[in-house]
Protein backbone atom coordinates (compact mmCIF):
# COMPACT_ATOMS: atom_id res chain seq x y z
CA TRP A 1 86.71 76.76 97.92
CA VAL A 2 86.54 79.30 100.42
CA GLU A 3 85.22 81.98 98.09
CA LYS A 4 81.90 79.97 97.95
CA LEU A 5 81.76 79.65 101.94
CA ARG A 6 82.13 83.19 102.29
CA ILE A 7 79.56 83.43 99.78
CA SER A 8 77.52 81.10 101.88
CA ILE A 9 77.83 82.53 104.77
CA HIS A 10 77.45 85.98 103.94
CA ASN A 11 73.66 84.82 102.39
CA LEU A 12 72.39 83.27 105.27
CA PRO A 13 70.41 84.53 107.19
CA GLN A 14 71.25 86.51 110.18
CA HIS A 15 69.05 84.37 112.33
CA SER A 16 69.05 81.50 111.52
CA PRO A 17 70.56 78.40 113.31
CA SER A 18 73.04 77.89 110.93
CA CYS A 19 74.56 81.37 110.17
CA CYS A 20 74.78 81.16 114.30
CA PHE A 21 76.44 77.76 114.57
CA VAL A 22 78.88 78.96 111.75
CA ARG A 23 79.83 82.29 113.44
CA SER A 24 80.71 80.75 116.43
CA ASN A 25 82.81 77.99 114.89
CA LEU A 26 84.42 79.61 112.28
CA ALA A 27 85.17 83.49 113.15
CA GLU A 28 85.07 85.75 110.21
CA GLY A 29 88.49 87.11 110.44
CA GLN A 30 90.05 83.12 110.26
CA LEU A 31 87.76 82.87 107.49
CA TRP A 32 89.76 85.92 105.54
CA GLU A 33 92.95 85.04 107.42
CA ALA A 34 92.11 81.30 105.19
CA MET A 35 91.81 83.01 101.85
CA SER A 36 95.06 85.08 102.28
CA LYS A 37 96.13 81.90 103.20
CA ALA A 38 95.39 80.60 99.60
CA ASP A 39 97.70 78.74 97.01
CA PRO A 40 99.47 81.55 94.20
CA GLN A 41 98.30 81.14 90.55
CA THR A 42 100.02 82.45 87.59
CA ILE A 43 97.45 84.15 85.16
CA ASN A 44 98.28 85.23 81.72
CA GLY A 45 101.76 85.51 83.59
CA ILE A 46 100.59 87.65 86.29
CA THR A 47 100.57 86.00 90.08
CA TYR A 48 98.17 86.37 92.12
CA PRO A 49 97.19 87.70 95.08
CA ARG A 50 99.64 90.40 93.97
CA GLU A 51 99.25 94.26 96.15
CA VAL A 52 98.13 97.24 92.76
CA ALA A 53 97.67 101.08 93.15
CA ALA A 54 95.02 101.79 96.05
CA PRO A 55 92.43 103.16 94.70
CA ALA A 56 92.83 107.28 94.63
CA GLY A 57 91.35 109.47 97.48
CA LEU A 58 92.02 106.08 100.26
CA PRO A 59 93.09 107.18 103.21
CA ASP A 60 96.83 106.58 103.72
CA GLY A 61 97.73 103.19 105.49
CA TRP A 62 96.07 101.00 103.28
CA ILE A 63 97.02 98.06 100.47
CA ALA A 64 94.82 96.68 98.15
CA VAL A 65 96.04 93.75 97.00
CA GLU A 66 94.54 91.95 93.68
CA GLN A 67 93.50 88.40 93.19
CA ALA A 68 92.14 85.30 91.52
CA TYR A 69 89.32 83.14 91.86
CA GLY A 70 89.95 79.60 92.38
CA PRO A 71 90.28 77.16 89.02
CA ASN A 72 86.71 75.40 90.69
CA SER A 73 85.27 78.98 90.42
CA ARG A 74 82.82 80.31 87.63
CA ASN A 75 84.55 82.90 88.00
CA TYR A 76 87.70 81.18 87.04
CA GLY A 77 90.27 83.88 84.91
CA LYS A 78 88.89 86.64 86.89
CA THR A 79 90.64 88.75 89.31
CA TYR A 80 88.72 90.65 92.62
CA VAL A 81 90.33 93.44 95.24
CA ARG A 82 90.88 93.05 98.52
CA PHE A 83 92.09 95.69 101.38
CA LYS A 84 94.78 95.58 104.18
CA SER A 85 96.31 97.36 106.84
CA VAL A 86 99.86 98.22 106.73
CA ASP A 87 100.03 97.49 110.63
CA GLY A 88 98.32 94.19 109.80
CA LYS A 89 95.73 94.94 112.05
CA HIS A 90 92.91 94.98 109.23
CA LYS A 91 93.16 92.31 106.75
CA GLN A 92 90.46 90.54 103.48
CA ILE A 93 88.74 94.67 104.19
CA LEU A 94 85.65 94.32 100.92
CA ASN A 95 85.27 97.60 99.43
CA PRO A 96 86.75 101.43 100.51
CA LYS A 97 83.55 101.99 102.40
CA GLN A 98 84.54 99.61 104.72
CA VAL A 99 88.18 100.93 104.75
CA VAL A 100 87.57 104.58 105.62
CA ARG A 101 85.26 103.19 108.39
CA LEU A 102 87.77 100.82 110.27
CA HIS A 103 90.15 103.85 109.46
CA CYS A 104 87.97 106.33 110.95
CA GLN A 105 87.45 103.56 113.76
CA ASP A 106 90.86 103.55 114.16
CA ASN A 107 92.00 107.03 114.28
CA GLY A 108 88.94 108.12 116.85
CA ILE A 109 87.02 110.50 113.54
CA GLU A 110 83.79 109.84 114.14
CA ASP A 111 82.39 112.11 110.96
CA TRP A 112 83.39 108.92 108.61
CA GLN A 113 80.64 110.15 106.20
CA SER A 114 82.95 113.10 105.06
CA VAL A 115 85.58 111.19 104.49
CA TYR A 116 84.47 108.80 102.53
CA ALA A 117 82.53 111.74 100.09
CA LYS A 118 86.33 113.30 99.82
CA TYR A 119 87.30 109.29 98.64
CA GLU A 120 84.12 109.31 96.14
CA GLN A 121 85.27 113.23 94.61
CA ALA A 122 89.03 111.46 94.53
CA GLN A 123 87.11 108.60 91.62
CA LYS A 124 85.24 111.11 90.07
CA GLU A 125 88.23 113.08 88.82
CA ARG A 126 89.86 109.93 88.27
CA HIS A 127 86.41 108.81 85.98
CA GLY A 128 86.71 111.91 84.71
CA GLN A 129 90.35 112.48 83.35
CA GLU A 130 89.43 108.57 82.01
CA ALA A 131 86.96 110.04 80.18
CA ALA A 132 89.14 112.52 78.75
CA GLU A 133 91.60 110.06 77.82
CA ARG A 134 88.98 107.82 75.84
CA ALA A 135 88.26 110.78 74.17
CA ALA A 136 91.72 112.11 72.88
CA GLU A 137 92.07 109.15 71.68
CA ARG A 138 89.35 108.84 69.71
CA GLU A 139 90.55 112.53 68.41
CA VAL A 140 94.21 110.76 67.36
CA ALA A 141 92.12 107.77 65.89
CA VAL A 142 89.88 110.29 63.43
CA SER A 143 92.84 112.68 63.11
CA ARG A 144 94.90 109.73 61.72
CA GLN A 145 92.20 108.76 59.08
CA ALA A 146 91.81 112.76 58.55
CA ALA A 147 95.19 113.42 57.29
CA PRO A 148 98.49 111.76 56.14
CA THR A 149 101.35 111.88 58.13
CA PRO A 150 104.27 111.71 57.22
CA LYS A 151 106.67 108.85 56.43
CA ARG A 152 109.59 107.79 58.49
CA ALA A 153 112.33 106.13 57.35
CA ARG A 154 112.52 102.30 57.42
CA THR A 155 113.92 100.64 60.85
CA GLU A 156 115.63 97.32 61.41
CA GLU A 157 112.32 96.05 62.53
CA ALA A 158 110.85 96.80 58.92
CA ALA A 159 110.44 94.49 56.02
CA PRO A 160 112.81 94.70 53.20
CA GLY A 161 111.37 97.29 50.99
CA ALA A 162 108.52 99.01 53.71
CA GLU A 163 107.89 102.50 54.49
CA VAL A 164 106.96 102.95 58.18
CA THR A 165 104.29 105.34 58.42
CA ALA A 166 104.43 107.78 61.52
CA ARG A 167 100.91 107.94 63.33
CA CYS A 168 101.02 109.41 65.85
CA ASP A 169 103.55 112.19 67.73
CA PHE A 170 104.36 110.84 71.23
CA VAL A 171 103.28 107.33 72.46
CA MET A 172 103.30 107.25 76.19
CA MET A 173 102.66 105.19 79.43
CA GLY A 174 101.95 106.26 82.82
CA SER A 175 99.37 108.85 81.91
CA THR A 176 96.94 107.98 84.80
CA GLY A 177 99.68 108.98 87.51
CA PHE A 178 100.53 111.55 89.16
CA ILE A 179 102.93 112.91 86.57
CA GLY A 180 101.95 111.28 84.29
CA GLY A 181 98.36 113.16 84.02
CA HIS A 182 100.28 116.43 84.38
CA MET A 183 102.83 115.36 81.06
CA LEU A 184 99.74 114.42 78.82
CA THR A 185 97.95 117.88 79.37
CA ALA A 186 100.83 119.54 78.83
CA VAL A 187 101.51 117.72 75.75
CA GLN A 188 98.55 117.60 74.07
CA GLN A 189 98.08 120.86 75.15
CA SER A 190 100.79 122.11 72.76
CA GLY A 191 98.98 120.30 69.79
CA TYR A 192 100.70 117.23 69.59
CA ALA A 193 99.46 113.95 69.02
CA VAL A 194 99.36 111.36 71.79
CA THR A 195 98.35 107.66 71.14
CA LEU A 196 98.57 106.26 75.18
CA VAL A 197 99.67 102.64 75.90
CA PRO A 198 97.06 100.78 77.15
CA ARG A 199 97.09 99.78 80.65
CA ASN A 200 96.74 95.83 80.20
CA ILE A 201 100.44 95.72 78.53
CA ARG A 202 102.69 96.78 81.07
CA LEU A 203 105.83 97.35 80.63
CA GLU A 204 107.94 93.88 81.87
CA GLN A 205 105.93 92.59 78.59
CA ARG A 206 108.31 93.48 76.05
CA THR A 207 107.21 91.56 73.07
CA GLU A 208 103.48 93.63 73.50
CA LEU A 209 104.86 96.60 74.48
CA HIS A 210 107.70 96.01 71.06
CA ASP A 211 104.59 95.53 68.52
CA PHE A 212 102.47 98.19 70.14
CA ILE A 213 105.23 100.44 69.87
CA ALA A 214 105.84 99.88 66.38
CA LYS A 215 102.76 99.49 65.10
CA ASN A 216 102.35 102.98 66.14
CA MET A 217 105.45 104.36 65.31
CA PRO A 218 105.62 108.01 66.98
CA ARG A 219 107.13 110.57 64.94
CA TYR A 220 108.93 112.06 67.66
CA GLY A 221 109.30 109.16 70.21
CA VAL A 222 108.30 107.77 73.35
CA ILE A 223 107.01 109.32 76.61
CA CYS A 224 107.53 106.80 79.97
CA CYS A 225 106.25 108.18 83.13
CA ALA A 226 104.76 104.66 84.78
CA GLY A 227 106.77 103.03 87.15
CA THR A 228 106.73 102.66 90.87
CA ARG A 229 107.51 105.01 94.18
CA GLY A 230 105.77 102.70 96.59
CA ASN A 231 102.45 102.94 98.03
CA PRO A 232 101.72 104.99 100.55
CA ASN A 233 105.63 105.54 100.51
CA ILE A 234 109.72 104.18 99.52
CA ASP A 235 109.54 101.28 102.19
CA TRP A 236 107.00 99.37 99.81
CA CYS A 237 109.55 98.84 98.01
CA ASP A 238 111.50 97.29 100.74
CA ALA A 239 108.74 94.63 101.06
CA HIS A 240 108.13 93.89 97.35
CA PRO A 241 112.01 93.90 95.84
CA VAL A 242 110.36 91.98 92.30
CA GLU A 243 108.15 94.29 91.68
CA THR A 244 110.26 97.17 92.62
CA VAL A 245 112.56 95.64 89.92
CA GLU A 246 110.08 94.93 87.65
CA ALA A 247 108.69 98.45 87.37
CA ASN A 248 111.92 100.63 87.88
CA VAL A 249 114.47 98.83 86.18
CA THR A 250 113.22 95.64 83.84
CA GLY A 251 110.07 98.03 82.84
CA GLN A 252 112.28 100.63 82.40
CA LEU A 253 115.40 99.49 80.45
CA ASN A 254 112.29 97.46 78.16
CA VAL A 255 111.33 100.87 76.97
CA ALA A 256 114.65 101.75 76.35
CA THR A 257 115.55 98.58 74.63
CA ILE A 258 112.74 99.22 72.05
CA CYS A 259 112.95 102.58 71.26
CA HIS A 260 116.88 101.71 70.20
CA LEU A 261 115.93 98.63 67.54
CA LEU A 262 113.09 100.85 65.79
CA GLY A 263 115.11 104.01 65.89
CA LEU A 264 113.32 105.90 68.33
CA HIS A 265 114.25 108.67 71.25
CA CYS A 266 112.27 108.35 74.56
CA CYS A 267 111.89 110.02 77.95
CA LEU A 268 111.98 108.17 81.20
CA ILE A 269 110.82 109.44 84.39
CA GLY A 270 114.19 109.45 87.16
CA THR A 271 114.49 111.36 90.26
CA GLY A 272 116.82 113.52 91.91
CA PHE A 273 117.17 111.60 94.85
CA VAL A 274 120.01 109.77 93.57
CA TYR A 275 122.00 112.70 95.46
CA GLN A 276 122.29 112.97 99.20
CA GLY A 277 122.39 115.92 99.83
CA ALA A 278 125.44 118.27 102.18
CA GLU A 279 125.25 121.81 103.10
CA GLY A 280 126.53 124.04 100.24
CA LYS A 281 126.67 121.92 97.74
CA THR A 282 124.78 121.92 94.26
CA TYR A 283 124.51 118.66 92.26
CA THR A 284 125.22 118.41 88.01
CA GLU A 285 124.33 116.56 85.46
CA GLN A 286 128.18 115.17 86.06
CA ASP A 287 128.21 114.49 89.87
CA PRO A 288 128.01 111.27 90.25
CA PRO A 289 124.96 109.51 92.69
CA ASP A 290 126.12 109.35 96.28
CA ASN A 291 122.73 108.83 98.01
CA ARG A 292 123.62 105.78 100.53
CA MET A 293 120.25 105.39 102.25
CA PRO A 294 119.48 101.42 102.64
CA LYS A 295 116.13 102.01 100.41
CA LEU A 296 116.19 99.45 97.58
CA TYR A 297 113.99 102.25 96.14
CA ILE A 298 116.93 104.62 95.93
CA LYS A 299 119.33 101.17 95.20
CA LEU A 300 117.78 100.25 91.98
CA ARG A 301 117.16 104.42 90.99
CA ILE A 302 121.21 104.67 91.16
CA ALA A 303 121.42 101.18 89.32
CA LEU A 304 119.59 102.30 86.70
CA GLU A 305 121.18 105.60 85.40
CA GLY A 306 124.45 103.31 85.76
CA LEU A 307 122.12 101.38 82.94
CA LEU A 308 121.36 104.19 81.30
CA MET A 309 124.63 105.60 79.87
CA ASN A 310 125.02 102.80 77.67
CA PHE A 311 121.54 104.26 75.81
CA ASP A 312 122.27 107.42 73.42
CA ASN A 313 118.25 107.18 72.94
CA VAL A 314 117.38 108.08 76.07
CA LEU A 315 116.19 111.58 78.50
CA ASN A 316 116.21 110.77 81.84
CA LEU A 317 114.18 113.29 83.72
CA ARG A 318 115.66 113.71 87.41
CA VAL A 319 111.95 115.45 89.32
CA ILE A 320 112.59 115.91 92.91
CA TYR A 321 109.91 117.08 94.92
CA PRO A 322 106.84 118.12 92.02
CA ILE A 323 105.36 121.13 92.80
CA THR A 324 101.42 121.41 91.14
CA ARG A 325 99.29 124.26 91.05
CA ASP A 326 96.24 122.52 93.47
CA LEU A 327 96.80 123.11 96.96
CA LYS A 328 94.45 119.93 97.37
CA ASP A 329 96.52 117.79 95.51
CA LYS A 330 98.87 116.27 98.43
CA ARG A 331 100.32 114.33 96.12
CA GLY A 332 102.85 117.66 95.02
CA LEU A 333 105.31 119.00 97.55
CA LEU A 334 102.71 122.00 98.24
CA GLY A 335 99.95 120.07 99.11
CA LYS A 336 102.10 117.91 101.53
CA LEU A 337 103.09 121.17 103.31
CA ALA A 338 99.59 122.55 103.50
CA GLY A 339 98.32 119.05 105.35
CA PHE A 340 101.08 119.56 107.51
CA ARG A 341 101.22 120.40 111.00
CA THR A 342 104.93 121.28 111.84
CA VAL A 343 107.16 122.24 108.91
CA ASP A 344 111.36 121.97 108.69
CA ASP A 345 112.78 125.16 108.35
CA SER A 346 114.55 124.49 105.43
CA SER A 347 114.67 124.99 101.42
CA SER A 348 114.72 122.28 98.32
CA CYS A 349 114.90 122.78 94.61
CA CYS A 350 111.48 121.13 92.91
CA THR A 351 109.79 120.40 90.03
CA PHE A 352 106.80 122.93 89.17
CA LEU A 353 104.85 120.58 86.81
CA GLU A 354 102.97 123.37 85.17
CA ASP A 355 106.41 124.89 84.23
CA LEU A 356 108.55 121.77 82.76
CA CYS A 357 106.19 119.34 81.37
CA PRO A 358 105.55 121.57 78.18
CA LEU A 359 109.30 121.19 77.64
CA VAL A 360 109.35 117.57 77.38
CA PRO A 361 108.30 117.72 73.61
CA HIS A 362 110.73 119.98 72.67
CA LEU A 363 113.30 118.43 74.31
CA MET A 364 112.44 115.10 72.52
CA GLN A 365 113.12 116.59 68.93
CA ARG A 366 115.75 118.09 70.30
CA LYS A 367 117.26 114.62 71.16
CA ALA A 368 118.09 115.78 74.40
CA ALA A 369 120.21 113.03 76.13
CA GLY A 370 121.53 111.40 79.05
CA PRO A 371 120.33 112.32 82.60
CA LEU A 372 119.08 116.07 82.87
CA ASN A 373 118.52 117.86 86.46
CA PHE A 374 114.89 118.98 85.75
CA THR A 375 113.72 121.16 88.29
CA ASN A 376 113.03 125.12 88.10
CA PRO A 377 116.01 127.19 88.94
CA GLY A 378 116.74 128.19 92.45
CA LEU A 379 115.14 126.63 95.82
CA VAL A 380 111.77 126.97 97.49
CA SER A 381 111.80 128.65 101.02
CA TYR A 382 109.02 125.89 103.17
CA ALA A 383 109.30 129.17 105.50
CA HIS A 384 107.70 131.67 102.73
CA VAL A 385 105.30 128.60 101.86
CA VAL A 386 104.04 128.37 104.86
CA GLY A 387 103.72 132.28 105.25
CA LYS A 388 101.88 131.88 101.70
CA LEU A 389 99.43 129.54 103.03
CA LYS A 390 98.74 131.35 106.41
CA ALA A 391 98.00 134.61 104.18
CA ARG A 392 95.32 132.27 102.01
CA ASP A 393 93.91 130.20 104.84
CA PRO A 394 93.60 131.84 108.35
CA LYS A 395 93.39 128.14 110.00
CA TYR A 396 96.16 126.93 108.42
CA ALA A 397 98.67 127.18 112.22
CA ALA A 398 101.45 125.22 110.73
CA GLU A 399 104.48 125.59 112.96
CA LEU A 400 108.37 125.87 111.48
CA GLN A 401 110.97 123.52 113.25
CA PRO A 402 114.47 123.03 112.42
CA PRO A 403 115.80 121.20 109.59
CA SER A 404 115.78 117.53 110.88
CA GLY A 405 117.32 114.97 109.00
CA ARG A 406 119.53 115.10 106.02
CA PRO A 407 120.10 118.58 104.53
CA ALA A 408 118.44 119.60 101.11
CA ILE A 409 119.30 118.33 97.65
CA SER A 410 120.35 121.26 95.21
CA LEU A 411 120.47 120.73 91.74
CA ASP A 412 121.66 122.56 89.32
CA SER A 413 119.59 123.30 86.30
CA THR A 414 121.81 124.78 84.15
CA ARG A 415 121.47 122.78 81.96
CA LEU A 416 117.86 122.83 81.40
CA ALA A 417 118.65 126.42 80.82
CA HIS A 418 120.51 125.87 78.72
CA LEU A 419 118.47 123.75 76.31
CA CYS A 420 115.72 126.07 77.58
CA THR A 421 117.32 129.13 75.62
CA GLU A 422 118.20 127.31 72.59
CA LEU A 423 115.05 126.61 71.80
CA GLY A 424 113.36 129.76 72.52
CA LEU A 425 111.65 128.49 75.38
CA GLU A 426 110.59 130.05 79.31
CA LEU A 427 112.42 129.11 81.57
CA PRO A 428 110.61 130.26 85.09
CA THR A 429 112.66 130.55 87.95
CA ALA A 430 111.30 128.50 91.78
CA GLU A 431 110.18 132.04 93.17
CA GLN A 432 108.54 133.25 89.83
CA ALA A 433 106.65 129.71 89.48
CA LEU A 434 105.32 130.28 93.33
CA LYS A 435 104.66 133.44 93.08
CA ARG A 436 102.17 132.62 89.89
CA ILE A 437 100.61 130.03 91.69
CA PHE A 438 100.12 131.41 95.21
CA GLU A 439 98.41 134.69 92.42
CA GLN A 440 96.48 132.76 90.56
């Protein structure tokens, strides 16, 4: 009823007596407040309203909320998205354009059109990536029909006397995320056939996920890049503990368990932030996690690592400070540093995605398991990066400051280097990888 009332008010002539009466007696903010307090609904096992990932390119400090139409609406069963600011100042904003205008108004930015143009460009790139993924799925389907695939041994899930046929090389989920997008590109460019888990199958939907993986039975295993790190940062997880547990613990264990039952290897994306960091300390895979930050994201990641030790079919990649050659992508470390006015004069180990993602198919075939520090050997000096950015862009004027906060985390990549040597693969150092990026 509130949605119907809102639409009715919106459709009233601007200066009609009815419109003036309604707007003088019921402020639009009060109307939206009433909508935001509507009773929760559960549809197909999902409770609304719920926070979802914000669209690519949306300014920081905004949250997307998916809401469901009420049972009396002709759109019942469907959902829509509204936006609110993290500081609580703005609620139930209709669309990204209004978000951008309010964001610019609050931050004293006059040229909101240029900010919105950046959002539109990000959306255009996302649509292009999704189109490429759909094309890749079609190519996989055609290749499966055109060429016979080798047969796998029967699993516990197969009927007696039946044979399970490998339909692809890898099943993958989370391919639309930052790391997942690079992973998908790397695996496909290496010549492997990838089947993507549909978006309507979530990690916590164990039955549906099991049936999909069993139907496609990948030759080498499952790569899961799905999960949540919070939006805009891990503080989001503290305010949304249930959603974080579902994505980062329950969902990950579902994938590991399903693969175990089907006799498949699987790869999960973990984090190097299970460690606190200490001066002169380099952590190996044998070192127990010691990060005592009172953050739910960290606590759950540490708990997951302990639980995964019970699986012999799971490779847990510890990613930290991911870097990509795209200096405009602020999800990567270089993109972040390029947007800072001050930068700590420190160093850290990093995951160069273009170098390390292509290693994953080989590690999966090798049946590598357990936690793996997934970083390039050596450290990245932030002062060196700032110097390179200044040489590339005279307008870049970030200043170095003494290190603040906790010490940088240094992960030992010896095990990864040994695996690469066994497989005949190249593992460039952090210095080599950084040099290549700026030369290109």
